[in-house]
């Protein structure tokens, strides 16, 4: 999984942290959680605020469905 796989990342985060409100997470924590996901194998330094925000919005979408 790469940083560009925002939907897959969001699905895994929703499964792993079902009781967490996605908008309450600091980007530093979100970045760490993504890097720790099973199957995530991208360079941690390739992340950006834009990517983290996209993941956060996808995660919110997953939770609301």
C-alpha atoms as a PDB file:
ATOM      1  CA  UNK A   1       0.000   0.000   0.000  1.00  0.00           C
ATOM      2  CA  UNK A   2       1.255   3.459  -0.944  1.00  0.00           C
ATOM      3  CA  UNK A   3       0.335   6.991   0.116  1.00  0.00           C
ATOM      4  CA  UNK A   4      -1.819   7.275  -3.005  1.00  0.00           C
ATOM      5  CA  UNK A   5      -4.047   4.387  -1.836  1.00  0.00           C
ATOM      6  CA  UNK A   6      -6.149   6.728   0.285  1.00  0.00           C
ATOM      7  CA  UNK A   7      -9.339   4.648   0.167  1.00  0.00           C
ATOM      8  CA  UNK A   8      -7.574   1.420   1.212  1.00  0.00           C
ATOM      9  CA  UNK A   9      -5.725   3.272   3.979  1.00  0.00           C
ATOM     10  CA  UNK A  10      -9.008   4.766   5.195  1.00  0.00           C
ATOM     11  CA  UNK A  11     -10.716   1.361   5.228  1.00  0.00           C
ATOM     12  CA  UNK A  12      -7.896  -0.149   7.261  1.00  0.00           C
ATOM     13  CA  UNK A  13      -7.889   2.762   9.706  1.00  0.00           C
ATOM     14  CA  UNK A  14     -11.663   2.494  10.154  1.00  0.00           C
ATOM     15  CA  UNK A  15     -11.305  -1.228  10.867  1.00  0.00           C
ATOM     16  CA  UNK A  16      -8.360  -0.808  13.221  1.00  0.00           C
ATOM     17  CA  UNK A  17      -9.714   2.217  15.112  1.00  0.00           C
ATOM     18  CA  UNK A  18     -13.521   1.845  15.063  1.00  0.00           C
ATOM     19  CA  UNK A  19     -14.113   4.168  18.027  1.00  0.00           C
ATOM     20  CA  UNK A  20     -11.944   7.037  16.786  1.00  0.00           C
ATOM     21  CA  UNK A  21     -13.464  10.187  15.276  1.00  0.00           C
ATOM     22  CA  UNK A  22     -11.289  10.790  12.167  1.00  0.00           C
ATOM     23  CA  UNK A  23     -11.381  14.577  12.444  1.00  0.00           C
ATOM     24  CA  UNK A  24     -10.069  14.463  16.016  1.00  0.00           C
ATOM     25  CA  UNK A  25      -6.731  12.929  15.015  1.00  0.00           C
ATOM     26  CA  UNK A  26      -3.612  15.066  14.780  1.00  0.00           C
ATOM     27  CA  UNK A  27      -1.731  14.639  11.523  1.00  0.00           C
ATOM     28  CA  UNK A  28       1.367  13.482  13.399  1.00  0.00           C
ATOM     29  CA  UNK A  29      -0.621  10.602  14.910  1.00  0.00           C
ATOM     30  CA  UNK A  30      -2.380   9.862  11.629  1.00  0.00           C
ATOM     31  CA  UNK A  31       0.967   9.678   9.841  1.00  0.00           C
ATOM     32  CA  UNK A  32       2.327   7.236  12.432  1.00  0.00           C
ATOM     33  CA  UNK A  33      -0.806   5.063  12.350  1.00  0.00           C
ATOM     34  CA  UNK A  34      -0.675   4.841   8.553  1.00  0.00           C
ATOM     35  CA  UNK A  35       2.999   3.889   8.572  1.00  0.00           C
ATOM     36  CA  UNK A  36       2.215   1.128  11.093  1.00  0.00           C
ATOM     37  CA  UNK A  37      -0.612  -0.420   9.024  1.00  0.00           C
ATOM     38  CA  UNK A  38      -0.094  -3.960   7.768  1.00  0.00           C
ATOM     39  CA  UNK A  39       0.797  -3.826   4.108  1.00  0.00           C
ATOM     40  CA  UNK A  40       1.925  -0.199   4.097  1.00  0.00           C
ATOM     41  CA  UNK A  41       5.287  -0.089   2.365  1.00  0.00           C
ATOM     42  CA  UNK A  42       5.811   3.445   1.074  1.00  0.00           C
ATOM     43  CA  UNK A  43       8.469   5.934   2.114  1.00  0.00           C
ATOM     44  CA  UNK A  44       7.232   7.762   5.253  1.00  0.00           C
ATOM     45  CA  UNK A  45       8.849  10.958   3.973  1.00  0.00           C
ATOM     46  CA  UNK A  46       6.651  11.001   0.851  1.00  0.00           C
ATOM     47  CA  UNK A  47       3.643  12.035   2.900  1.00  0.00           C
ATOM     48  CA  UNK A  48       2.255  15.557   2.847  1.00  0.00           C
ATOM     49  CA  UNK A  49      -0.474  17.489   4.591  1.00  0.00           C
ATOM     50  CA  UNK A  50      -2.584  17.175   1.438  1.00  0.00           C
ATOM     51  CA  UNK A  51      -2.286  13.369   1.464  1.00  0.00           C
ATOM     52  CA  UNK A  52      -3.070  13.116   5.168  1.00  0.00           C
ATOM     53  CA  UNK A  53      -6.095  15.346   4.704  1.00  0.00           C
ATOM     54  CA  UNK A  54      -7.308  13.162   1.825  1.00  0.00           C
ATOM     55  CA  UNK A  55      -6.943  10.037   3.982  1.00  0.00           C
ATOM     56  CA  UNK A  56      -8.766  11.746   6.827  1.00  0.00           C
ATOM     57  CA  UNK A  57     -11.696  12.677   4.530  1.00  0.00           C
ATOM     58  CA  UNK A  58     -11.863   9.140   3.105  1.00  0.00           C
ATOM     59  CA  UNK A  59     -11.804   7.734   6.641  1.00  0.00           C
ATOM     60  CA  UNK A  60     -14.648  10.053   7.618  1.00  0.00           C
ATOM     61  CA  UNK A  61     -16.563   8.870   4.560  1.00  0.00           C
ATOM     62  CA  UNK A  62     -16.013   5.234   5.585  1.00  0.00           C
ATOM     63  CA  UNK A  63     -17.268   5.891   9.111  1.00  0.00           C
ATOM     64  CA  UNK A  64     -20.360   7.723   7.892  1.00  0.00           C
ATOM     65  CA  UNK A  65     -21.411   4.917   5.506  1.00  0.00           C
END
